[in-house]
Protein backbone atom coordinates (compact mmCIF):
# COMPACT_ATOMS: atom_id res chain seq x y z
CA UNK A 1 0.00 0.00 0.00
CA UNK A 2 1.43 3.39 -0.98
CA UNK A 3 2.08 5.79 1.83
CA UNK A 4 1.32 9.48 1.56
CA UNK A 5 4.63 11.36 1.76
CA UNK A 6 2.72 14.44 2.90
CA UNK A 7 1.32 12.90 6.07
CA UNK A 8 4.10 14.23 8.28
CA UNK A 9 5.60 10.84 9.15
CA UNK A 10 9.31 11.07 9.82
CA UNK A 11 11.59 8.07 9.53
CA UNK A 12 15.13 7.57 10.73
CA UNK A 13 17.85 5.98 8.59
CA UNK A 14 17.61 2.88 10.77
CA UNK A 15 13.89 2.58 10.01
CA UNK A 16 14.60 2.32 6.27
CA UNK A 17 17.60 0.10 6.84
CA UNK A 18 15.81 -2.48 8.97
CA UNK A 19 13.04 -2.93 6.44
CA UNK A 20 15.52 -4.35 3.91
CA UNK A 21 18.29 -5.72 6.10
CA UNK A 22 20.65 -2.88 5.21
CA UNK A 23 23.05 -0.83 7.25
CA UNK A 24 22.21 2.78 8.04
CA UNK A 25 25.38 3.75 6.20
CA UNK A 26 24.04 2.09 3.07
CA UNK A 27 20.89 4.21 3.29
CA UNK A 28 22.97 7.36 3.66
CA UNK A 29 25.15 6.29 0.73
CA UNK A 30 22.08 5.79 -1.44
CA UNK A 31 20.87 9.27 -0.60
CA UNK A 32 24.25 10.81 -1.37
CA UNK A 33 24.31 8.95 -4.70
CA UNK A 34 20.92 10.41 -5.68
CA UNK A 35 19.13 7.07 -5.49
CA UNK A 36 16.94 8.52 -2.74
CA UNK A 37 15.65 12.10 -2.62
CA UNK A 38 17.54 14.45 -0.36
CA UNK A 39 16.71 13.88 3.30
CA UNK A 40 15.43 16.50 5.66
CA UNK A 41 17.42 17.55 8.69
CA UNK A 42 16.50 18.02 12.32
CA UNK A 43 17.70 21.20 14.10
CA UNK A 44 20.58 19.11 15.44
CA UNK A 45 21.55 17.97 11.94
CA UNK A 46 20.23 14.42 11.94
CA UNK A 47 18.75 13.06 8.72
CA UNK A 48 15.02 12.50 8.57
CA UNK A 49 13.23 10.53 5.92
CA UNK A 50 9.60 10.15 4.90
CA UNK A 51 7.49 7.32 3.43
CA UNK A 52 8.50 8.70 0.02
CA UNK A 53 12.10 7.75 0.77
CA UNK A 54 10.94 4.29 1.79
CA UNK A 55 9.20 3.91 -1.57
CA UNK A 56 12.32 5.08 -3.41
CA UNK A 57 14.48 2.55 -1.58
CA UNK A 58 12.01 -0.25 -2.28
CA UNK A 59 11.93 0.69 -5.97
CA UNK A 60 15.71 0.77 -6.25
CA UNK A 61 16.19 -2.61 -4.58
CA UNK A 62 13.46 -4.13 -6.75
CA UNK A 63 15.09 -2.79 -9.93
CA UNK A 64 18.50 -4.31 -9.23
CA UNK A 65 17.74 -8.00 -9.99
CA UNK A 66 16.32 -7.19 -13.41
CA UNK A 67 18.48 -4.29 -14.52
CA UNK A 68 21.67 -4.57 -12.52
CA UNK A 69 23.02 -2.21 -9.87
CA UNK A 70 24.46 0.39 -12.23
CA UNK A 71 21.35 0.74 -14.40
CA UNK A 72 19.05 0.70 -11.36
CA UNK A 73 21.13 3.53 -9.91
CA UNK A 74 20.90 5.53 -13.13
CA UNK A 75 17.13 5.01 -13.31
CA UNK A 76 16.57 6.30 -9.79
CA UNK A 77 18.93 9.22 -10.27
CA UNK A 78 17.04 10.23 -13.41
CA UNK A 79 13.67 10.00 -11.67
CA UNK A 80 14.84 12.02 -8.69
CA UNK A 81 16.09 14.87 -10.84
CA UNK A 82 12.86 14.91 -12.83
CA UNK A 83 14.21 13.25 -15.98
CA UNK A 84 11.56 10.53 -16.14
CA UNK A 85 11.90 10.09 -19.90
CA UNK A 86 15.58 9.32 -19.39
CA UNK A 87 14.65 6.70 -16.80
CA UNK A 88 12.19 5.11 -19.23
CA UNK A 89 14.88 5.06 -21.91
CA UNK A 90 17.20 3.16 -19.59
CA UNK A 91 14.44 0.67 -18.84
CA UNK A 92 13.76 0.24 -22.56
CA UNK A 93 17.45 -0.49 -23.14
CA UNK A 94 17.40 -3.21 -20.49
CA UNK A 95 14.37 -4.81 -22.08
CA UNK A 96 16.03 -4.61 -25.49
CA UNK A 97 19.12 -6.32 -24.05
CA UNK A 98 16.97 -9.07 -22.55
CA UNK A 99 15.33 -9.62 -25.95
CA UNK A 100 18.76 -9.76 -27.60
CA UNK A 101 19.91 -12.29 -25.00
CA UNK A 102 16.85 -14.42 -25.74
CA UNK A 103 17.68 -14.26 -29.44
CA UNK A 104 21.27 -15.25 -28.68
CA UNK A 105 20.07 -18.25 -26.69
CA UNK A 106 17.85 -19.24 -29.58
CA UNK A 107 20.85 -18.89 -31.90
CA UNK A 108 22.91 -21.15 -29.63
CA UNK A 109 20.20 -23.78 -29.61
CA UNK A 110 19.92 -23.55 -33.39
CA UNK A 111 23.69 -23.88 -33.69
CA UNK A 112 23.62 -27.00 -31.52
CA UNK A 113 20.94 -28.56 -33.68
CA UNK A 114 22.91 -27.73 -36.79
CA UNK A 115 26.24 -28.97 -35.45
CA UNK A 116 25.13 -32.54 -35.54
CA UNK A 117 24.61 -32.46 -39.27
CA UNK A 118 26.75 -29.73 -40.81
CA UNK A 119 30.21 -31.20 -40.13
CA UNK A 120 32.46 -29.55 -42.72
CA UNK A 121 29.75 -28.99 -45.32
CA UNK A 122 29.46 -25.25 -44.78
CA UNK A 123 32.03 -24.20 -47.33
CA UNK A 124 34.83 -23.40 -44.86
CA UNK A 125 36.98 -26.41 -45.71
CA UNK A 126 40.01 -25.41 -47.72
CA UNK A 127 42.38 -28.30 -46.98
CA UNK A 128 41.75 -32.01 -46.60
CA UNK A 129 40.08 -32.62 -43.26
CA UNK A 130 39.82 -29.02 -42.14
CA UNK A 131 39.85 -25.29 -42.74
CA UNK A 132 42.37 -22.53 -42.16
CA UNK A 133 41.96 -19.76 -39.60
CA UNK A 134 41.00 -17.04 -42.12
CA UNK A 135 38.03 -18.79 -43.74
CA UNK A 136 36.72 -19.96 -40.37
CA UNK A 137 37.03 -16.47 -38.88
CA UNK A 138 35.13 -15.00 -41.81
CA UNK A 139 32.43 -17.62 -41.48
CA UNK A 140 31.96 -16.76 -37.79
CA UNK A 141 32.22 -13.01 -38.33
CA UNK A 142 35.20 -12.59 -36.01
CA UNK A 143 38.87 -11.70 -36.35
CA UNK A 144 41.52 -14.41 -36.83
CA UNK A 145 43.19 -13.01 -33.71
CA UNK A 146 40.09 -13.98 -31.74
CA UNK A 147 40.45 -17.61 -32.80
CA UNK A 148 44.10 -17.54 -31.78
CA UNK A 149 43.10 -16.07 -28.41
CA UNK A 150 40.55 -18.85 -27.95
CA UNK A 151 43.27 -21.38 -28.76
CA UNK A 152 45.50 -19.94 -26.03
CA UNK A 153 42.55 -20.12 -23.62
CA UNK A 154 42.02 -23.80 -24.44
CA UNK A 155 38.70 -23.34 -26.21
CA UNK A 156 39.78 -24.69 -29.60
CA UNK A 157 42.57 -27.07 -30.57
CA UNK A 158 43.54 -26.76 -34.23
CA UNK A 159 46.28 -28.97 -35.58
CA UNK A 160 49.23 -27.72 -37.63
CA UNK A 161 49.56 -28.46 -41.31
CA UNK A 162 52.83 -30.43 -41.68
CA UNK A 163 53.71 -28.69 -44.94
CA UNK A 164 52.98 -25.06 -44.08
CA UNK A 165 52.72 -25.00 -40.29
CA UNK A 166 49.39 -23.19 -40.60
CA UNK A 167 46.58 -23.89 -38.16
CA UNK A 168 43.99 -26.32 -39.51
CA UNK A 169 40.59 -26.62 -37.84
CA UNK A 170 39.06 -30.05 -38.22
CA UNK A 171 35.40 -30.88 -37.67
CA UNK A 172 35.71 -30.96 -33.87
CA UNK A 173 37.66 -27.70 -33.77
CA UNK A 174 35.08 -25.98 -35.99
CA UNK A 175 32.34 -27.24 -33.68
CA UNK A 176 34.17 -25.89 -30.64
CA UNK A 177 34.79 -22.54 -32.34
CA UNK A 178 31.12 -22.20 -33.22
CA UNK A 179 30.01 -23.03 -29.71
CA UNK A 180 32.58 -20.68 -28.19
CA UNK A 181 31.36 -17.90 -30.48
CA UNK A 182 27.71 -18.40 -29.54
CA UNK A 183 28.41 -18.71 -25.82
CA UNK A 184 30.54 -15.57 -25.86
CA UNK A 185 27.59 -13.76 -27.43
CA UNK A 186 25.48 -15.13 -24.61
CA UNK A 187 27.70 -13.44 -22.03
CA UNK A 188 29.84 -16.38 -20.96
CA UNK A 189 33.45 -15.70 -20.05
CA UNK A 190 36.33 -17.60 -21.61
CA UNK A 191 37.08 -19.31 -18.32
CA UNK A 192 33.46 -20.50 -18.17
CA UNK A 193 33.46 -21.77 -21.74
CA UNK A 194 36.73 -23.71 -21.58
CA UNK A 195 35.61 -26.38 -19.08
CA UNK A 196 32.29 -26.72 -20.88
CA UNK A 197 34.00 -27.43 -24.19
CA UNK A 198 36.37 -29.81 -22.41
CA UNK A 199 33.29 -31.72 -21.25
CA UNK A 200 31.92 -31.78 -24.77
CA UNK A 201 35.20 -33.19 -26.08
CA UNK A 202 35.48 -35.74 -23.27
CA UNK A 203 31.88 -36.86 -23.75
CA UNK A 204 32.27 -36.99 -27.50
CA UNK A 205 29.11 -34.95 -27.98
CA UNK A 206 26.92 -32.04 -26.96
CA UNK A 207 24.98 -33.57 -24.07
CA UNK A 208 26.78 -31.51 -21.37
CA UNK A 209 25.36 -28.34 -22.94
CA UNK A 210 21.79 -29.31 -22.08
CA UNK A 211 22.18 -28.34 -18.41
CA UNK A 212 23.83 -25.06 -19.41
CA UNK A 213 20.97 -24.20 -21.74
CA UNK A 214 18.38 -25.00 -19.06
CA UNK A 215 20.25 -22.75 -16.65
CA UNK A 216 20.44 -20.01 -19.30
CA UNK A 217 16.69 -20.23 -19.91
CA UNK A 218 16.10 -20.00 -16.17
CA UNK A 219 18.31 -16.96 -15.73
CA UNK A 220 16.57 -15.11 -18.57
CA UNK A 221 13.16 -15.97 -17.13
CA UNK A 222 14.27 -14.74 -13.70
CA UNK A 223 15.44 -11.45 -15.23
CA UNK A 224 12.14 -11.00 -17.00
CA UNK A 225 10.13 -11.58 -13.83
CA UNK A 226 12.47 -9.30 -11.87
CA UNK A 227 11.90 -6.53 -14.41
CA UNK A 228 8.16 -6.86 -13.87
CA UNK A 229 8.57 -6.68 -10.10
CA UNK A 230 10.84 -3.67 -10.41
CA UNK A 231 8.33 -1.93 -12.68
CA UNK A 232 5.59 -2.33 -10.07
CA UNK A 233 7.71 -0.78 -7.31
CA UNK A 234 8.95 2.02 -9.57
CA UNK A 235 5.40 2.88 -10.67
CA UNK A 236 4.35 3.09 -7.01
CA UNK A 237 7.22 5.47 -6.34
CA UNK A 238 6.50 7.54 -9.44
CA UNK A 239 2.87 8.06 -8.45
CA UNK A 240 3.93 9.47 -5.08
CA UNK A 241 6.96 11.31 -6.43
CA UNK A 242 4.93 13.28 -8.94
C-alpha atoms as a PDB file:
ATOM      1  CA  UNK A   1       0.000   0.000   0.000  1.00  0.00           C
ATOM      2  CA  UNK A   2       1.430   3.389  -0.979  1.00  0.00           C
ATOM      3  CA  UNK A   3       2.083   5.789   1.830  1.00  0.00           C
ATOM      4  CA  UNK A   4       1.320   9.483   1.555  1.00  0.00           C
ATOM      5  CA  UNK A   5       4.626  11.355   1.760  1.00  0.00           C
ATOM      6  CA  UNK A   6       2.721  14.438   2.896  1.00  0.00           C
ATOM      7  CA  UNK A   7       1.323  12.900   6.073  1.00  0.00           C
ATOM      8  CA  UNK A   8       4.096  14.229   8.282  1.00  0.00           C
ATOM      9  CA  UNK A   9       5.598  10.836   9.152  1.00  0.00           C
ATOM     10  CA  UNK A  10       9.312  11.066   9.821  1.00  0.00           C
ATOM     11  CA  UNK A  11      11.585   8.066   9.531  1.00  0.00           C
ATOM     12  CA  UNK A  12      15.126   7.572  10.731  1.00  0.00           C
ATOM     13  CA  UNK A  13      17.854   5.979   8.592  1.00  0.00           C
ATOM     14  CA  UNK A  14      17.605   2.879  10.775  1.00  0.00           C
ATOM     15  CA  UNK A  15      13.893   2.584  10.008  1.00  0.00           C
ATOM     16  CA  UNK A  16      14.596   2.320   6.273  1.00  0.00           C
ATOM     17  CA  UNK A  17      17.601   0.099   6.835  1.00  0.00           C
ATOM     18  CA  UNK A  18      15.815  -2.484   8.973  1.00  0.00           C
ATOM     19  CA  UNK A  19      13.043  -2.929   6.435  1.00  0.00           C
ATOM     20  CA  UNK A  20      15.516  -4.345   3.913  1.00  0.00           C
ATOM     21  CA  UNK A  21      18.288  -5.716   6.103  1.00  0.00           C
ATOM     22  CA  UNK A  22      20.647  -2.880   5.209  1.00  0.00           C
ATOM     23  CA  UNK A  23      23.045  -0.827   7.249  1.00  0.00           C
ATOM     24  CA  UNK A  24      22.213   2.778   8.038  1.00  0.00           C
ATOM     25  CA  UNK A  25      25.382   3.754   6.198  1.00  0.00           C
ATOM     26  CA  UNK A  26      24.040   2.085   3.067  1.00  0.00           C
ATOM     27  CA  UNK A  27      20.894   4.206   3.288  1.00  0.00           C
ATOM     28  CA  UNK A  28      22.965   7.358   3.662  1.00  0.00           C
ATOM     29  CA  UNK A  29      25.149   6.286   0.730  1.00  0.00           C
ATOM     30  CA  UNK A  30      22.080   5.785  -1.441  1.00  0.00           C
ATOM     31  CA  UNK A  31      20.869   9.272  -0.597  1.00  0.00           C
ATOM     32  CA  UNK A  32      24.245  10.811  -1.367  1.00  0.00           C
ATOM     33  CA  UNK A  33      24.308   8.953  -4.704  1.00  0.00           C
ATOM     34  CA  UNK A  34      20.921  10.413  -5.682  1.00  0.00           C
ATOM     35  CA  UNK A  35      19.131   7.073  -5.485  1.00  0.00           C
ATOM     36  CA  UNK A  36      16.939   8.525  -2.744  1.00  0.00           C
ATOM     37  CA  UNK A  37      15.650  12.096  -2.623  1.00  0.00           C
ATOM     38  CA  UNK A  38      17.544  14.449  -0.361  1.00  0.00           C
ATOM     39  CA  UNK A  39      16.710  13.884   3.299  1.00  0.00           C
ATOM     40  CA  UNK A  40      15.427  16.498   5.662  1.00  0.00           C
ATOM     41  CA  UNK A  41      17.421  17.547   8.694  1.00  0.00           C
ATOM     42  CA  UNK A  42      16.505  18.022  12.318  1.00  0.00           C
ATOM     43  CA  UNK A  43      17.696  21.199  14.098  1.00  0.00           C
ATOM     44  CA  UNK A  44      20.577  19.115  15.437  1.00  0.00           C
ATOM     45  CA  UNK A  45      21.550  17.972  11.940  1.00  0.00           C
ATOM     46  CA  UNK A  46      20.230  14.415  11.943  1.00  0.00           C
ATOM     47  CA  UNK A  47      18.749  13.057   8.718  1.00  0.00           C
ATOM     48  CA  UNK A  48      15.016  12.502   8.574  1.00  0.00           C
ATOM     49  CA  UNK A  49      13.230  10.530   5.924  1.00  0.00           C
ATOM     50  CA  UNK A  50       9.598  10.149   4.900  1.00  0.00           C
ATOM     51  CA  UNK A  51       7.490   7.324   3.429  1.00  0.00           C
ATOM     52  CA  UNK A  52       8.500   8.696   0.021  1.00  0.00           C
ATOM     53  CA  UNK A  53      12.104   7.751   0.770  1.00  0.00           C
ATOM     54  CA  UNK A  54      10.943   4.289   1.792  1.00  0.00           C
ATOM     55  CA  UNK A  55       9.197   3.914  -1.569  1.00  0.00           C
ATOM     56  CA  UNK A  56      12.322   5.077  -3.414  1.00  0.00           C
ATOM     57  CA  UNK A  57      14.476   2.549  -1.576  1.00  0.00           C
ATOM     58  CA  UNK A  58      12.007  -0.253  -2.281  1.00  0.00           C
ATOM     59  CA  UNK A  59      11.934   0.692  -5.965  1.00  0.00           C
ATOM     60  CA  UNK A  60      15.714   0.765  -6.247  1.00  0.00           C
ATOM     61  CA  UNK A  61      16.192  -2.610  -4.580  1.00  0.00           C
ATOM     62  CA  UNK A  62      13.456  -4.128  -6.751  1.00  0.00           C
ATOM     63  CA  UNK A  63      15.088  -2.790  -9.928  1.00  0.00           C
ATOM     64  CA  UNK A  64      18.504  -4.309  -9.227  1.00  0.00           C
ATOM     65  CA  UNK A  65      17.741  -7.997  -9.994  1.00  0.00           C
ATOM     66  CA  UNK A  66      16.317  -7.195 -13.414  1.00  0.00           C
ATOM     67  CA  UNK A  67      18.477  -4.285 -14.524  1.00  0.00           C
ATOM     68  CA  UNK A  68      21.670  -4.570 -12.521  1.00  0.00           C
ATOM     69  CA  UNK A  69      23.022  -2.212  -9.868  1.00  0.00           C
ATOM     70  CA  UNK A  70      24.464   0.389 -12.230  1.00  0.00           C
ATOM     71  CA  UNK A  71      21.354   0.739 -14.399  1.00  0.00           C
ATOM     72  CA  UNK A  72      19.053   0.699 -11.365  1.00  0.00           C
ATOM     73  CA  UNK A  73      21.128   3.531  -9.905  1.00  0.00           C
ATOM     74  CA  UNK A  74      20.900   5.533 -13.127  1.00  0.00           C
ATOM     75  CA  UNK A  75      17.127   5.006 -13.308  1.00  0.00           C
ATOM     76  CA  UNK A  76      16.569   6.298  -9.789  1.00  0.00           C
ATOM     77  CA  UNK A  77      18.933   9.220 -10.273  1.00  0.00           C
ATOM     78  CA  UNK A  78      17.042  10.234 -13.407  1.00  0.00           C
ATOM     79  CA  UNK A  79      13.667   9.996 -11.673  1.00  0.00           C
ATOM     80  CA  UNK A  80      14.839  12.022  -8.692  1.00  0.00           C
ATOM     81  CA  UNK A  81      16.091  14.868 -10.838  1.00  0.00           C
ATOM     82  CA  UNK A  82      12.861  14.913 -12.831  1.00  0.00           C
ATOM     83  CA  UNK A  83      14.213  13.246 -15.982  1.00  0.00           C
ATOM     84  CA  UNK A  84      11.561  10.532 -16.137  1.00  0.00           C
ATOM     85  CA  UNK A  85      11.903  10.093 -19.904  1.00  0.00           C
ATOM     86  CA  UNK A  86      15.581   9.323 -19.394  1.00  0.00           C
ATOM     87  CA  UNK A  87      14.648   6.702 -16.798  1.00  0.00           C
ATOM     88  CA  UNK A  88      12.191   5.113 -19.229  1.00  0.00           C
ATOM     89  CA  UNK A  89      14.880   5.062 -21.912  1.00  0.00           C
ATOM     90  CA  UNK A  90      17.198   3.159 -19.586  1.00  0.00           C
ATOM     91  CA  UNK A  91      14.438   0.671 -18.837  1.00  0.00           C
ATOM     92  CA  UNK A  92      13.762   0.240 -22.555  1.00  0.00           C
ATOM     93  CA  UNK A  93      17.446  -0.486 -23.143  1.00  0.00           C
ATOM     94  CA  UNK A  94      17.396  -3.210 -20.494  1.00  0.00           C
ATOM     95  CA  UNK A  95      14.366  -4.815 -22.080  1.00  0.00           C
ATOM     96  CA  UNK A  96      16.031  -4.613 -25.485  1.00  0.00           C
ATOM     97  CA  UNK A  97      19.115  -6.321 -24.055  1.00  0.00           C
ATOM     98  CA  UNK A  98      16.968  -9.070 -22.551  1.00  0.00           C
ATOM     99  CA  UNK A  99      15.334  -9.622 -25.951  1.00  0.00           C
ATOM    100  CA  UNK A 100      18.755  -9.759 -27.598  1.00  0.00           C
ATOM    101  CA  UNK A 101      19.915 -12.289 -25.002  1.00  0.00           C
ATOM    102  CA  UNK A 102      16.848 -14.422 -25.744  1.00  0.00           C
ATOM    103  CA  UNK A 103      17.677 -14.265 -29.439  1.00  0.00           C
ATOM    104  CA  UNK A 104      21.267 -15.247 -28.676  1.00  0.00           C
ATOM    105  CA  UNK A 105      20.074 -18.249 -26.688  1.00  0.00           C
ATOM    106  CA  UNK A 106      17.849 -19.238 -29.584  1.00  0.00           C
ATOM    107  CA  UNK A 107      20.847 -18.893 -31.896  1.00  0.00           C
ATOM    108  CA  UNK A 108      22.910 -21.151 -29.630  1.00  0.00           C
ATOM    109  CA  UNK A 109      20.195 -23.781 -29.615  1.00  0.00           C
ATOM    110  CA  UNK A 110      19.918 -23.554 -33.388  1.00  0.00           C
ATOM    111  CA  UNK A 111      23.686 -23.883 -33.688  1.00  0.00           C
ATOM    112  CA  UNK A 112      23.617 -26.997 -31.524  1.00  0.00           C
ATOM    113  CA  UNK A 113      20.936 -28.564 -33.680  1.00  0.00           C
ATOM    114  CA  UNK A 114      22.911 -27.732 -36.793  1.00  0.00           C
ATOM    115  CA  UNK A 115      26.239 -28.968 -35.452  1.00  0.00           C
ATOM    116  CA  UNK A 116      25.126 -32.544 -35.536  1.00  0.00           C
ATOM    117  CA  UNK A 117      24.610 -32.459 -39.273  1.00  0.00           C
ATOM    118  CA  UNK A 118      26.754 -29.734 -40.814  1.00  0.00           C
ATOM    119  CA  UNK A 119      30.208 -31.199 -40.125  1.00  0.00           C
ATOM    120  CA  UNK A 120      32.463 -29.554 -42.717  1.00  0.00           C
ATOM    121  CA  UNK A 121      29.750 -28.990 -45.320  1.00  0.00           C
ATOM    122  CA  UNK A 122      29.459 -25.251 -44.775  1.00  0.00           C
ATOM    123  CA  UNK A 123      32.032 -24.197 -47.329  1.00  0.00           C
ATOM    124  CA  UNK A 124      34.833 -23.403 -44.863  1.00  0.00           C
ATOM    125  CA  UNK A 125      36.982 -26.412 -45.709  1.00  0.00           C
ATOM    126  CA  UNK A 126      40.007 -25.405 -47.723  1.00  0.00           C
ATOM    127  CA  UNK A 127      42.382 -28.302 -46.984  1.00  0.00           C
ATOM    128  CA  UNK A 128      41.753 -32.009 -46.596  1.00  0.00           C
ATOM    129  CA  UNK A 129      40.081 -32.618 -43.258  1.00  0.00           C
ATOM    130  CA  UNK A 130      39.824 -29.025 -42.137  1.00  0.00           C
ATOM    131  CA  UNK A 131      39.851 -25.294 -42.735  1.00  0.00           C
ATOM    132  CA  UNK A 132      42.374 -22.532 -42.158  1.00  0.00           C
ATOM    133  CA  UNK A 133      41.959 -19.756 -39.602  1.00  0.00           C
ATOM    134  CA  UNK A 134      41.001 -17.044 -42.117  1.00  0.00           C
ATOM    135  CA  UNK A 135      38.031 -18.789 -43.736  1.00  0.00           C
ATOM    136  CA  UNK A 136      36.724 -19.963 -40.367  1.00  0.00           C
ATOM    137  CA  UNK A 137      37.035 -16.473 -38.877  1.00  0.00           C
ATOM    138  CA  UNK A 138      35.127 -14.997 -41.810  1.00  0.00           C
ATOM    139  CA  UNK A 139      32.429 -17.624 -41.480  1.00  0.00           C
ATOM    140  CA  UNK A 140      31.960 -16.764 -37.792  1.00  0.00           C
ATOM    141  CA  UNK A 141      32.221 -13.011 -38.334  1.00  0.00           C
ATOM    142  CA  UNK A 142      35.197 -12.586 -36.012  1.00  0.00           C
ATOM    143  CA  UNK A 143      38.870 -11.704 -36.350  1.00  0.00           C
ATOM    144  CA  UNK A 144      41.522 -14.411 -36.830  1.00  0.00           C
ATOM    145  CA  UNK A 145      43.189 -13.015 -33.706  1.00  0.00           C
ATOM    146  CA  UNK A 146      40.086 -13.979 -31.740  1.00  0.00           C
ATOM    147  CA  UNK A 147      40.451 -17.608 -32.802  1.00  0.00           C
ATOM    148  CA  UNK A 148      44.102 -17.545 -31.783  1.00  0.00           C
ATOM    149  CA  UNK A 149      43.099 -16.072 -28.410  1.00  0.00           C
ATOM    150  CA  UNK A 150      40.554 -18.850 -27.954  1.00  0.00           C
ATOM    151  CA  UNK A 151      43.269 -21.381 -28.756  1.00  0.00           C
ATOM    152  CA  UNK A 152      45.502 -19.939 -26.030  1.00  0.00           C
ATOM    153  CA  UNK A 153      42.547 -20.125 -23.617  1.00  0.00           C
ATOM    154  CA  UNK A 154      42.021 -23.798 -24.442  1.00  0.00           C
ATOM    155  CA  UNK A 155      38.696 -23.342 -26.213  1.00  0.00           C
ATOM    156  CA  UNK A 156      39.782 -24.688 -29.601  1.00  0.00           C
ATOM    157  CA  UNK A 157      42.570 -27.074 -30.572  1.00  0.00           C
ATOM    158  CA  UNK A 158      43.543 -26.759 -34.234  1.00  0.00           C
ATOM    159  CA  UNK A 159      46.281 -28.967 -35.583  1.00  0.00           C
ATOM    160  CA  UNK A 160      49.228 -27.722 -37.629  1.00  0.00           C
ATOM    161  CA  UNK A 161      49.556 -28.458 -41.314  1.00  0.00           C
ATOM    162  CA  UNK A 162      52.831 -30.428 -41.677  1.00  0.00           C
ATOM    163  CA  UNK A 163      53.706 -28.686 -44.937  1.00  0.00           C
ATOM    164  CA  UNK A 164      52.977 -25.063 -44.076  1.00  0.00           C
ATOM    165  CA  UNK A 165      52.722 -24.998 -40.287  1.00  0.00           C
ATOM    166  CA  UNK A 166      49.386 -23.193 -40.603  1.00  0.00           C
ATOM    167  CA  UNK A 167      46.580 -23.893 -38.164  1.00  0.00           C
ATOM    168  CA  UNK A 168      43.995 -26.317 -39.512  1.00  0.00           C
ATOM    169  CA  UNK A 169      40.594 -26.618 -37.839  1.00  0.00           C
ATOM    170  CA  UNK A 170      39.063 -30.052 -38.222  1.00  0.00           C
ATOM    171  CA  UNK A 171      35.399 -30.876 -37.670  1.00  0.00           C
ATOM    172  CA  UNK A 172      35.711 -30.962 -33.874  1.00  0.00           C
ATOM    173  CA  UNK A 173      37.664 -27.697 -33.770  1.00  0.00           C
ATOM    174  CA  UNK A 174      35.084 -25.980 -35.987  1.00  0.00           C
ATOM    175  CA  UNK A 175      32.338 -27.239 -33.680  1.00  0.00           C
ATOM    176  CA  UNK A 176      34.167 -25.887 -30.643  1.00  0.00           C
ATOM    177  CA  UNK A 177      34.789 -22.541 -32.344  1.00  0.00           C
ATOM    178  CA  UNK A 178      31.125 -22.202 -33.219  1.00  0.00           C
ATOM    179  CA  UNK A 179      30.009 -23.032 -29.709  1.00  0.00           C
ATOM    180  CA  UNK A 180      32.578 -20.680 -28.185  1.00  0.00           C
ATOM    181  CA  UNK A 181      31.360 -17.900 -30.478  1.00  0.00           C
ATOM    182  CA  UNK A 182      27.713 -18.403 -29.536  1.00  0.00           C
ATOM    183  CA  UNK A 183      28.410 -18.713 -25.823  1.00  0.00           C
ATOM    184  CA  UNK A 184      30.536 -15.574 -25.864  1.00  0.00           C
ATOM    185  CA  UNK A 185      27.589 -13.756 -27.433  1.00  0.00           C
ATOM    186  CA  UNK A 186      25.476 -15.134 -24.605  1.00  0.00           C
ATOM    187  CA  UNK A 187      27.697 -13.438 -22.030  1.00  0.00           C
ATOM    188  CA  UNK A 188      29.836 -16.385 -20.960  1.00  0.00           C
ATOM    189  CA  UNK A 189      33.450 -15.697 -20.048  1.00  0.00           C
ATOM    190  CA  UNK A 190      36.327 -17.600 -21.611  1.00  0.00           C
ATOM    191  CA  UNK A 191      37.078 -19.306 -18.316  1.00  0.00           C
ATOM    192  CA  UNK A 192      33.464 -20.496 -18.168  1.00  0.00           C
ATOM    193  CA  UNK A 193      33.458 -21.766 -21.742  1.00  0.00           C
ATOM    194  CA  UNK A 194      36.733 -23.705 -21.579  1.00  0.00           C
ATOM    195  CA  UNK A 195      35.609 -26.383 -19.076  1.00  0.00           C
ATOM    196  CA  UNK A 196      32.291 -26.715 -20.877  1.00  0.00           C
ATOM    197  CA  UNK A 197      33.997 -27.435 -24.194  1.00  0.00           C
ATOM    198  CA  UNK A 198      36.367 -29.806 -22.413  1.00  0.00           C
ATOM    199  CA  UNK A 199      33.291 -31.715 -21.247  1.00  0.00           C
ATOM    200  CA  UNK A 200      31.916 -31.781 -24.771  1.00  0.00           C
ATOM    201  CA  UNK A 201      35.198 -33.191 -26.082  1.00  0.00           C
ATOM    202  CA  UNK A 202      35.476 -35.739 -23.267  1.00  0.00           C
ATOM    203  CA  UNK A 203      31.877 -36.862 -23.750  1.00  0.00           C
ATOM    204  CA  UNK A 204      32.268 -36.993 -27.500  1.00  0.00           C
ATOM    205  CA  UNK A 205      29.111 -34.950 -27.982  1.00  0.00           C
ATOM    206  CA  UNK A 206      26.917 -32.040 -26.963  1.00  0.00           C
ATOM    207  CA  UNK A 207      24.981 -33.566 -24.070  1.00  0.00           C
ATOM    208  CA  UNK A 208      26.780 -31.506 -21.373  1.00  0.00           C
ATOM    209  CA  UNK A 209      25.357 -28.337 -22.940  1.00  0.00           C
ATOM    210  CA  UNK A 210      21.795 -29.312 -22.081  1.00  0.00           C
ATOM    211  CA  UNK A 211      22.181 -28.344 -18.413  1.00  0.00           C
ATOM    212  CA  UNK A 212      23.827 -25.061 -19.414  1.00  0.00           C
ATOM    213  CA  UNK A 213      20.971 -24.198 -21.735  1.00  0.00           C
ATOM    214  CA  UNK A 214      18.381 -25.000 -19.062  1.00  0.00           C
ATOM    215  CA  UNK A 215      20.254 -22.746 -16.651  1.00  0.00           C
ATOM    216  CA  UNK A 216      20.441 -20.006 -19.303  1.00  0.00           C
ATOM    217  CA  UNK A 217      16.689 -20.234 -19.907  1.00  0.00           C
ATOM    218  CA  UNK A 218      16.102 -20.004 -16.173  1.00  0.00           C
ATOM    219  CA  UNK A 219      18.308 -16.957 -15.735  1.00  0.00           C
ATOM    220  CA  UNK A 220      16.566 -15.111 -18.567  1.00  0.00           C
ATOM    221  CA  UNK A 221      13.156 -15.973 -17.133  1.00  0.00           C
ATOM    222  CA  UNK A 222      14.268 -14.739 -13.700  1.00  0.00           C
ATOM    223  CA  UNK A 223      15.441 -11.453 -15.226  1.00  0.00           C
ATOM    224  CA  UNK A 224      12.144 -10.999 -17.003  1.00  0.00           C
ATOM    225  CA  UNK A 225      10.133 -11.577 -13.828  1.00  0.00           C
ATOM    226  CA  UNK A 226      12.468  -9.301 -11.867  1.00  0.00           C
ATOM    227  CA  UNK A 227      11.899  -6.531 -14.408  1.00  0.00           C
ATOM    228  CA  UNK A 228       8.161  -6.858 -13.871  1.00  0.00           C
ATOM    229  CA  UNK A 229       8.567  -6.680 -10.102  1.00  0.00           C
ATOM    230  CA  UNK A 230      10.839  -3.668 -10.414  1.00  0.00           C
ATOM    231  CA  UNK A 231       8.329  -1.927 -12.681  1.00  0.00           C
ATOM    232  CA  UNK A 232       5.594  -2.331 -10.073  1.00  0.00           C
ATOM    233  CA  UNK A 233       7.707  -0.777  -7.314  1.00  0.00           C
ATOM    234  CA  UNK A 234       8.947   2.015  -9.567  1.00  0.00           C
ATOM    235  CA  UNK A 235       5.402   2.884 -10.670  1.00  0.00           C
ATOM    236  CA  UNK A 236       4.351   3.087  -7.014  1.00  0.00           C
ATOM    237  CA  UNK A 237       7.215   5.469  -6.336  1.00  0.00           C
ATOM    238  CA  UNK A 238       6.495   7.538  -9.442  1.00  0.00           C
ATOM    239  CA  UNK A 239       2.867   8.057  -8.449  1.00  0.00           C
ATOM    240  CA  UNK A 240       3.932   9.473  -5.084  1.00  0.00           C
ATOM    241  CA  UNK A 241       6.960  11.306  -6.429  1.00  0.00           C
ATOM    242  CA  UNK A 242       4.931  13.279  -8.936  1.00  0.00           C
END
